[in-house]
N, C-alpha and C. Protein backbone atom coordinates (compact mmCIF):
# COMPACT_ATOMS: atom_id res chain seq x y z
N MET A 1 -14.11 22.46 9.95
CA MET A 1 -13.64 21.73 11.11
C MET A 1 -12.15 21.43 10.91
N GLY A 2 -11.34 21.72 11.92
CA GLY A 2 -9.91 21.48 11.86
C GLY A 2 -9.55 20.04 12.15
N PHE A 3 -8.31 19.70 11.86
CA PHE A 3 -7.80 18.34 12.04
C PHE A 3 -7.95 17.87 13.48
N GLU A 4 -7.53 18.70 14.42
CA GLU A 4 -7.62 18.33 15.84
C GLU A 4 -9.07 18.21 16.28
N GLU A 5 -9.92 19.10 15.77
CA GLU A 5 -11.34 19.05 16.12
C GLU A 5 -11.97 17.74 15.63
N MET A 6 -11.57 17.32 14.44
CA MET A 6 -12.08 16.05 13.90
C MET A 6 -11.75 14.91 14.85
N GLN A 7 -10.50 14.88 15.30
CA GLN A 7 -10.07 13.80 16.17
C GLN A 7 -10.78 13.86 17.52
N LYS A 8 -11.00 15.07 18.04
CA LYS A 8 -11.71 15.22 19.32
C LYS A 8 -13.14 14.72 19.21
N GLN A 9 -13.72 14.86 18.03
CA GLN A 9 -15.10 14.42 17.80
C GLN A 9 -15.19 12.92 17.51
N GLY A 10 -14.03 12.26 17.52
CA GLY A 10 -14.01 10.83 17.27
C GLY A 10 -13.98 10.45 15.80
N LEU A 11 -13.81 11.45 14.93
CA LEU A 11 -13.72 11.17 13.50
C LEU A 11 -12.30 10.77 13.16
N LYS A 12 -12.16 9.72 12.36
CA LYS A 12 -10.83 9.25 12.01
C LYS A 12 -10.44 9.78 10.63
N PRO A 13 -9.35 10.54 10.58
CA PRO A 13 -8.88 11.01 9.27
C PRO A 13 -8.46 9.83 8.40
N ASN A 14 -8.68 9.95 7.10
CA ASN A 14 -8.28 8.90 6.17
C ASN A 14 -7.16 9.42 5.27
N THR A 15 -6.80 8.64 4.27
CA THR A 15 -5.72 9.03 3.37
C THR A 15 -6.02 10.36 2.69
N ILE A 16 -7.25 10.57 2.29
CA ILE A 16 -7.62 11.83 1.62
C ILE A 16 -7.42 13.01 2.55
N THR A 17 -7.79 12.86 3.80
CA THR A 17 -7.60 13.92 4.80
C THR A 17 -6.12 14.24 4.94
N TYR A 18 -5.32 13.20 5.11
CA TYR A 18 -3.87 13.41 5.24
C TYR A 18 -3.28 14.01 3.97
N ASN A 19 -3.74 13.56 2.81
CA ASN A 19 -3.25 14.13 1.55
C ASN A 19 -3.48 15.63 1.48
N SER A 20 -4.67 16.06 1.88
CA SER A 20 -4.99 17.49 1.85
C SER A 20 -4.06 18.28 2.76
N LEU A 21 -3.84 17.75 3.95
CA LEU A 21 -2.97 18.44 4.90
C LEU A 21 -1.51 18.43 4.44
N ILE A 22 -1.04 17.29 3.97
CA ILE A 22 0.35 17.19 3.50
C ILE A 22 0.56 18.11 2.30
N ASN A 23 -0.39 18.13 1.38
CA ASN A 23 -0.28 19.00 0.22
C ASN A 23 -0.22 20.47 0.63
N GLY A 24 -1.09 20.86 1.55
CA GLY A 24 -1.08 22.24 2.03
C GLY A 24 0.23 22.62 2.70
N LEU A 25 0.76 21.72 3.51
CA LEU A 25 2.04 21.98 4.17
C LEU A 25 3.17 22.11 3.14
N CYS A 26 3.18 21.22 2.16
CA CYS A 26 4.21 21.28 1.12
C CYS A 26 4.10 22.56 0.30
N ASN A 27 2.89 22.96 -0.04
CA ASN A 27 2.70 24.19 -0.81
C ASN A 27 3.15 25.42 -0.05
N ASN A 28 3.15 25.33 1.27
CA ASN A 28 3.59 26.45 2.10
C ASN A 28 5.02 26.30 2.60
N GLY A 29 5.75 25.35 2.01
CA GLY A 29 7.16 25.18 2.34
C GLY A 29 7.43 24.56 3.70
N LYS A 30 6.42 23.97 4.31
CA LYS A 30 6.57 23.36 5.64
C LYS A 30 6.81 21.86 5.48
N LEU A 31 7.94 21.55 4.87
CA LEU A 31 8.23 20.16 4.52
C LEU A 31 8.49 19.28 5.74
N GLU A 32 9.13 19.83 6.74
CA GLU A 32 9.37 19.03 7.95
C GLU A 32 8.04 18.61 8.58
N ASP A 33 7.10 19.55 8.63
CA ASP A 33 5.77 19.23 9.17
C ASP A 33 5.07 18.20 8.28
N ALA A 34 5.23 18.34 6.96
CA ALA A 34 4.60 17.40 6.03
C ALA A 34 5.16 15.99 6.22
N VAL A 35 6.47 15.89 6.38
CA VAL A 35 7.09 14.58 6.59
C VAL A 35 6.65 13.99 7.93
N ASN A 36 6.56 14.82 8.95
CA ASN A 36 6.08 14.34 10.26
C ASN A 36 4.65 13.81 10.15
N LEU A 37 3.82 14.51 9.38
CA LEU A 37 2.44 14.06 9.19
C LEU A 37 2.40 12.76 8.39
N TRP A 38 3.27 12.65 7.39
CA TRP A 38 3.42 11.41 6.62
C TRP A 38 3.74 10.25 7.55
N ASP A 39 4.72 10.47 8.43
CA ASP A 39 5.11 9.43 9.39
C ASP A 39 3.95 9.03 10.29
N LYS A 40 3.18 10.02 10.72
CA LYS A 40 2.01 9.75 11.57
C LYS A 40 0.98 8.92 10.79
N MET A 41 0.75 9.33 9.54
CA MET A 41 -0.20 8.64 8.68
C MET A 41 0.18 7.17 8.53
N VAL A 42 1.43 6.92 8.19
CA VAL A 42 1.91 5.55 8.00
C VAL A 42 1.87 4.79 9.32
N GLY A 43 2.22 5.46 10.41
CA GLY A 43 2.19 4.84 11.73
C GLY A 43 0.80 4.40 12.14
N LEU A 44 -0.21 5.07 11.62
CA LEU A 44 -1.60 4.71 11.91
C LEU A 44 -2.12 3.60 10.99
N GLY A 45 -1.25 3.16 10.09
CA GLY A 45 -1.64 2.08 9.19
C GLY A 45 -2.30 2.53 7.90
N LEU A 46 -2.31 3.85 7.65
CA LEU A 46 -2.88 4.36 6.41
C LEU A 46 -1.81 4.30 5.32
N LYS A 47 -2.22 3.94 4.12
CA LYS A 47 -1.26 3.80 3.03
C LYS A 47 -1.24 5.06 2.18
N PRO A 48 -0.04 5.63 2.00
CA PRO A 48 0.08 6.77 1.09
C PRO A 48 -0.30 6.32 -0.32
N ASP A 49 -0.87 7.24 -1.09
CA ASP A 49 -1.19 6.94 -2.48
C ASP A 49 -0.39 7.88 -3.37
N ILE A 50 -0.66 7.85 -4.66
CA ILE A 50 0.10 8.66 -5.61
C ILE A 50 -0.03 10.15 -5.31
N VAL A 51 -1.18 10.56 -4.78
CA VAL A 51 -1.38 11.97 -4.41
C VAL A 51 -0.44 12.36 -3.28
N THR A 52 -0.29 11.48 -2.31
CA THR A 52 0.61 11.74 -1.18
C THR A 52 2.04 11.87 -1.68
N TYR A 53 2.46 10.92 -2.50
CA TYR A 53 3.82 10.94 -3.04
C TYR A 53 4.07 12.19 -3.87
N ASN A 54 3.12 12.54 -4.73
CA ASN A 54 3.28 13.73 -5.58
C ASN A 54 3.42 15.00 -4.76
N ALA A 55 2.63 15.13 -3.71
CA ALA A 55 2.71 16.32 -2.86
C ALA A 55 4.11 16.46 -2.27
N LEU A 56 4.65 15.37 -1.75
CA LEU A 56 5.99 15.42 -1.15
C LEU A 56 7.06 15.68 -2.20
N ILE A 57 6.99 14.99 -3.32
CA ILE A 57 8.00 15.19 -4.37
C ILE A 57 7.97 16.64 -4.86
N ASN A 58 6.77 17.17 -5.13
CA ASN A 58 6.67 18.56 -5.59
C ASN A 58 7.19 19.53 -4.55
N GLY A 59 6.86 19.29 -3.29
CA GLY A 59 7.34 20.15 -2.22
C GLY A 59 8.86 20.15 -2.13
N PHE A 60 9.46 18.98 -2.19
CA PHE A 60 10.92 18.89 -2.14
C PHE A 60 11.56 19.55 -3.36
N CYS A 61 10.98 19.34 -4.53
CA CYS A 61 11.54 19.93 -5.75
C CYS A 61 11.47 21.46 -5.71
N LYS A 62 10.37 22.00 -5.21
CA LYS A 62 10.25 23.47 -5.11
C LYS A 62 11.34 24.06 -4.22
N LYS A 63 11.77 23.30 -3.23
CA LYS A 63 12.81 23.75 -2.30
C LYS A 63 14.20 23.31 -2.75
N LYS A 64 14.28 22.72 -3.95
CA LYS A 64 15.55 22.23 -4.50
C LYS A 64 16.19 21.16 -3.62
N MET A 65 15.36 20.36 -2.99
CA MET A 65 15.81 19.27 -2.12
C MET A 65 15.70 17.97 -2.91
N MET A 66 16.58 17.84 -3.90
CA MET A 66 16.47 16.74 -4.85
C MET A 66 16.75 15.37 -4.23
N LYS A 67 17.65 15.30 -3.26
CA LYS A 67 17.92 14.00 -2.61
C LYS A 67 16.66 13.47 -1.94
N GLU A 68 15.95 14.38 -1.25
CA GLU A 68 14.74 13.98 -0.55
C GLU A 68 13.65 13.59 -1.54
N ALA A 69 13.53 14.36 -2.65
CA ALA A 69 12.54 14.04 -3.68
C ALA A 69 12.83 12.67 -4.28
N LYS A 70 14.10 12.39 -4.54
CA LYS A 70 14.48 11.09 -5.11
C LYS A 70 14.18 9.96 -4.13
N LYS A 71 14.39 10.21 -2.85
CA LYS A 71 14.10 9.18 -1.84
C LYS A 71 12.61 8.80 -1.87
N VAL A 72 11.75 9.81 -1.98
CA VAL A 72 10.30 9.55 -2.06
C VAL A 72 9.99 8.80 -3.35
N PHE A 73 10.60 9.25 -4.46
CA PHE A 73 10.38 8.58 -5.74
C PHE A 73 10.83 7.12 -5.67
N ASP A 74 11.99 6.89 -5.06
CA ASP A 74 12.49 5.52 -4.92
C ASP A 74 11.53 4.66 -4.09
N ASP A 75 10.90 5.27 -3.10
CA ASP A 75 9.93 4.55 -2.28
C ASP A 75 8.73 4.12 -3.13
N ILE A 76 8.28 5.02 -4.01
CA ILE A 76 7.17 4.67 -4.92
C ILE A 76 7.59 3.49 -5.78
N THR A 77 8.78 3.60 -6.36
CA THR A 77 9.27 2.56 -7.25
C THR A 77 9.34 1.22 -6.53
N LYS A 78 9.85 1.24 -5.29
CA LYS A 78 9.95 0.01 -4.50
C LYS A 78 8.56 -0.56 -4.23
N GLN A 79 7.61 0.30 -3.86
CA GLN A 79 6.25 -0.16 -3.59
C GLN A 79 5.61 -0.75 -4.84
N GLU A 80 5.81 -0.08 -5.99
CA GLU A 80 5.24 -0.59 -7.24
C GLU A 80 5.87 -1.92 -7.62
N PHE A 81 7.19 -2.05 -7.41
CA PHE A 81 7.87 -3.30 -7.71
C PHE A 81 7.31 -4.43 -6.86
N LEU A 82 7.13 -4.17 -5.57
CA LEU A 82 6.58 -5.18 -4.67
C LEU A 82 5.17 -5.58 -5.09
N MET A 83 4.34 -4.58 -5.41
CA MET A 83 2.97 -4.88 -5.81
C MET A 83 2.94 -5.67 -7.12
N HIS A 84 3.83 -5.30 -8.04
CA HIS A 84 3.90 -6.03 -9.32
C HIS A 84 4.24 -7.49 -9.06
N ASN A 85 5.21 -7.73 -8.19
CA ASN A 85 5.60 -9.12 -7.89
C ASN A 85 4.49 -9.87 -7.18
N VAL A 86 3.75 -9.21 -6.31
CA VAL A 86 2.63 -9.86 -5.63
C VAL A 86 1.56 -10.23 -6.66
N ARG A 87 1.24 -9.29 -7.55
CA ARG A 87 0.24 -9.56 -8.58
C ARG A 87 0.70 -10.70 -9.49
N LYS A 88 1.96 -10.63 -9.90
CA LYS A 88 2.51 -11.65 -10.79
C LYS A 88 2.49 -13.02 -10.12
N GLY A 89 2.86 -13.06 -8.85
CA GLY A 89 2.85 -14.32 -8.10
C GLY A 89 1.44 -14.88 -7.98
N GLY A 90 0.47 -14.02 -7.73
CA GLY A 90 -0.92 -14.44 -7.63
C GLY A 90 -1.44 -14.95 -8.96
N TRP A 91 -1.04 -14.30 -10.03
CA TRP A 91 -1.45 -14.72 -11.37
C TRP A 91 -0.88 -16.09 -11.69
N ARG A 92 0.39 -16.29 -11.34
CA ARG A 92 1.01 -17.60 -11.59
C ARG A 92 0.34 -18.70 -10.78
N LYS A 93 -0.01 -18.40 -9.54
CA LYS A 93 -0.71 -19.39 -8.71
C LYS A 93 -2.05 -19.74 -9.35
N GLY A 94 -2.72 -18.73 -9.89
CA GLY A 94 -4.01 -18.95 -10.53
C GLY A 94 -3.90 -19.89 -11.72
N LEU A 95 -2.79 -19.82 -12.43
CA LEU A 95 -2.60 -20.70 -13.58
C LEU A 95 -2.42 -22.15 -13.17
N ARG A 96 -1.92 -22.37 -11.95
CA ARG A 96 -1.67 -23.73 -11.47
C ARG A 96 -2.92 -24.38 -10.89
N CYS A 97 -3.96 -23.63 -10.67
CA CYS A 97 -5.16 -24.19 -10.02
C CYS A 97 -5.92 -25.11 -10.96
């Protein structure tokens, strides 16, 4: 079943579905399509995971698009930093209870 067929049937693609499609697009050098799909995924409220990030970074690196690869890497770093601070803040609150 194709992506469009899934949606027509009322099935909602999840992060794993998007990861598969983004990875396939990146492996075939269709990075613009992969980025557009990434944007759609995020716009629907789905969160990219490490698989999503790796697919994009690998795709950009294969095409020698290092600025774009670094931008994705920086996004991961920013997300991890934010999550670390959220966890740390929650842990500190727990100590005060």
